[in-house]
């Protein structure tokens, strides 16, 4: 027979060998089905942990607008009509590097090259301005202290 004792906030249960010899009669409730990102009715589940809190951060409104635009987009290719919403979200994320640092690094390392995307539509003046800004930022960035270029410049 087991013995239970309470010590403040803790409850200690001493079980005997007999307690462990008998099979448990406890029945666990059926696990609730997790709805996932898209609900049965086709709406977006903003509480899905798969979104990683993006829907509730400082740029949550911008994220929800961009994601909703993409989800409900009927344009071909899908989401091609959501450029402005995603640009607004990206601008907001750039204002909060402490919060979205990982997302911005992922975009820089493995994401699509901004210049390559902008080459697709050379006619749009806004896109040309963005391309020029991206190119000038890349050319003005300081060389890495460990790079061969920096070492060669120091040797001169």
Protein backbone atom coordinates (compact mmCIF):
# COMPACT_ATOMS: atom_id res chain seq x y z
CA UNK A 1 0.00 0.00 0.00
CA UNK A 2 1.40 3.41 -0.94
CA UNK A 3 1.93 6.28 1.45
CA UNK A 4 1.50 9.97 0.54
CA UNK A 5 3.06 12.85 2.47
CA UNK A 6 2.95 16.57 1.72
CA UNK A 7 5.97 18.80 2.33
CA UNK A 8 4.91 22.35 1.55
CA UNK A 9 4.28 22.58 -2.17
CA UNK A 10 5.64 19.06 -2.79
CA UNK A 11 3.74 15.81 -2.53
CA UNK A 12 5.84 12.65 -1.98
CA UNK A 13 4.38 9.24 -2.78
CA UNK A 14 6.05 6.13 -1.41
CA UNK A 15 5.06 3.11 -3.51
CA UNK A 16 5.58 -0.49 -2.51
CA UNK A 17 6.54 -3.41 -4.74
CA UNK A 18 2.91 -4.55 -4.58
CA UNK A 19 1.78 -1.18 -5.98
CA UNK A 20 4.05 -1.69 -8.98
CA UNK A 21 3.05 -5.33 -9.48
CA UNK A 22 -0.59 -4.56 -10.29
CA UNK A 23 -1.39 -3.06 -13.70
CA UNK A 24 -2.55 0.52 -13.78
CA UNK A 25 -6.26 1.16 -14.15
CA UNK A 26 -5.85 4.78 -15.18
CA UNK A 27 -7.37 5.62 -18.55
CA UNK A 28 -5.87 8.57 -20.37
CA UNK A 29 -8.19 10.81 -22.39
CA UNK A 30 -7.93 10.76 -26.16
CA UNK A 31 -5.43 13.37 -27.35
CA UNK A 32 -7.04 16.38 -28.96
CA UNK A 33 -6.37 16.71 -32.64
CA UNK A 34 -4.14 19.68 -33.29
CA UNK A 35 -5.61 21.75 -36.10
CA UNK A 36 -2.31 22.66 -37.78
CA UNK A 37 -1.67 25.80 -39.81
CA UNK A 38 -4.84 25.66 -41.91
CA UNK A 39 -8.15 25.02 -40.15
CA UNK A 40 -10.82 22.71 -41.56
CA UNK A 41 -12.75 25.68 -42.94
CA UNK A 42 -9.65 26.92 -44.83
CA UNK A 43 -8.84 29.81 -42.48
CA UNK A 44 -5.35 30.37 -41.11
CA UNK A 45 -4.69 29.20 -37.54
CA UNK A 46 -2.68 32.14 -36.17
CA UNK A 47 -2.10 30.23 -32.90
CA UNK A 48 -0.20 27.41 -34.62
CA UNK A 49 3.23 26.95 -33.01
CA UNK A 50 4.60 26.32 -36.50
CA UNK A 51 4.50 30.09 -37.08
CA UNK A 52 7.09 30.55 -34.35
CA UNK A 53 5.36 33.58 -32.82
CA UNK A 54 5.68 35.61 -36.02
CA UNK A 55 1.98 36.50 -35.92
CA UNK A 56 2.26 38.14 -32.49
CA UNK A 57 5.59 40.01 -32.55
CA UNK A 58 6.12 43.72 -33.23
CA UNK A 59 5.57 43.05 -36.94
CA UNK A 60 2.68 40.65 -36.35
CA UNK A 61 0.16 42.75 -38.26
CA UNK A 62 2.47 43.03 -41.27
CA UNK A 63 3.20 39.28 -41.13
CA UNK A 64 -0.49 38.39 -40.95
CA UNK A 65 -1.30 40.68 -43.88
CA UNK A 66 1.49 39.23 -46.04
CA UNK A 67 0.72 35.62 -45.10
CA UNK A 68 -3.02 36.13 -45.63
CA UNK A 69 -2.35 37.71 -49.01
CA UNK A 70 -0.26 34.71 -50.04
CA UNK A 71 -2.71 32.14 -48.64
CA UNK A 72 -5.74 33.61 -50.39
CA UNK A 73 -3.88 34.65 -53.56
CA UNK A 74 -5.28 33.38 -56.83
CA UNK A 75 -2.57 34.97 -58.97
CA UNK A 76 -0.19 32.84 -60.99
CA UNK A 77 2.43 32.23 -59.72
CA UNK A 78 0.76 32.10 -56.31
CA UNK A 79 1.53 35.16 -54.20
CA UNK A 80 2.96 37.23 -57.03
CA UNK A 81 0.38 39.91 -56.20
CA UNK A 82 1.68 40.14 -52.60
CA UNK A 83 5.03 41.81 -53.27
CA UNK A 84 4.07 45.04 -51.47
CA UNK A 85 2.77 43.20 -48.38
CA UNK A 86 5.98 41.16 -48.08
CA UNK A 87 8.13 44.25 -48.65
CA UNK A 88 6.25 46.05 -45.85
CA UNK A 89 6.82 43.05 -43.57
CA UNK A 90 10.53 42.93 -44.46
CA UNK A 91 10.92 46.66 -43.77
CA UNK A 92 9.26 46.22 -40.38
CA UNK A 93 11.49 43.25 -39.51
CA UNK A 94 14.57 45.31 -40.39
CA UNK A 95 13.48 47.83 -37.73
CA UNK A 96 13.60 45.10 -35.04
CA UNK A 97 16.88 43.23 -35.62
CA UNK A 98 16.98 42.01 -32.02
CA UNK A 99 13.67 40.22 -32.41
CA UNK A 100 13.97 39.05 -36.01
CA UNK A 101 17.75 38.57 -36.24
CA UNK A 102 17.45 34.84 -37.03
CA UNK A 103 14.85 35.45 -39.75
CA UNK A 104 16.99 38.13 -41.38
CA UNK A 105 20.12 35.92 -41.22
CA UNK A 106 18.24 33.02 -42.82
CA UNK A 107 17.17 35.32 -45.62
CA UNK A 108 20.72 36.56 -46.18
CA UNK A 109 22.35 33.13 -46.04
CA UNK A 110 19.94 30.81 -47.78
CA UNK A 111 17.22 33.03 -49.10
CA UNK A 112 16.72 34.26 -52.58
CA UNK A 113 19.14 36.88 -53.85
CA UNK A 114 17.35 40.24 -53.86
CA UNK A 115 19.23 41.28 -56.99
CA UNK A 116 18.11 38.16 -58.84
CA UNK A 117 14.48 38.80 -57.94
CA UNK A 118 14.70 42.41 -59.02
CA UNK A 119 16.28 41.51 -62.38
CA UNK A 120 12.99 39.91 -63.36
CA UNK A 121 11.20 43.26 -63.60
CA UNK A 122 13.61 45.98 -64.75
CA UNK A 123 10.71 48.28 -65.74
CA UNK A 124 9.55 49.02 -62.17
CA UNK A 125 11.42 52.10 -60.82
CA UNK A 126 10.82 51.09 -57.18
CA UNK A 127 12.44 47.75 -57.82
CA UNK A 128 15.40 49.40 -59.56
CA UNK A 129 15.91 51.65 -56.52
CA UNK A 130 15.90 48.60 -54.24
CA UNK A 131 18.41 46.87 -56.49
CA UNK A 132 20.71 49.90 -56.42
CA UNK A 133 20.48 50.08 -52.62
CA UNK A 134 21.27 46.37 -52.28
CA UNK A 135 24.22 46.65 -54.65
CA UNK A 136 25.63 49.73 -52.92
CA UNK A 137 25.31 48.11 -49.49
CA UNK A 138 27.16 45.03 -50.71
CA UNK A 139 29.98 47.07 -52.25
CA UNK A 140 30.36 49.36 -49.20
CA UNK A 141 30.52 46.61 -46.59
CA UNK A 142 33.89 46.37 -44.87
CA UNK A 143 36.03 43.33 -45.64
CA UNK A 144 36.24 40.65 -42.98
CA UNK A 145 39.31 41.03 -40.77
CA UNK A 146 40.27 37.42 -41.49
CA UNK A 147 39.86 37.63 -45.24
CA UNK A 148 42.82 37.58 -47.60
CA UNK A 149 41.81 41.01 -48.96
CA UNK A 150 42.01 42.59 -45.52
CA UNK A 151 45.35 40.91 -44.81
CA UNK A 152 46.79 42.06 -48.15
CA UNK A 153 45.64 45.64 -47.49
CA UNK A 154 47.23 45.61 -44.03
CA UNK A 155 50.52 44.35 -45.49
CA UNK A 156 50.79 47.33 -47.88
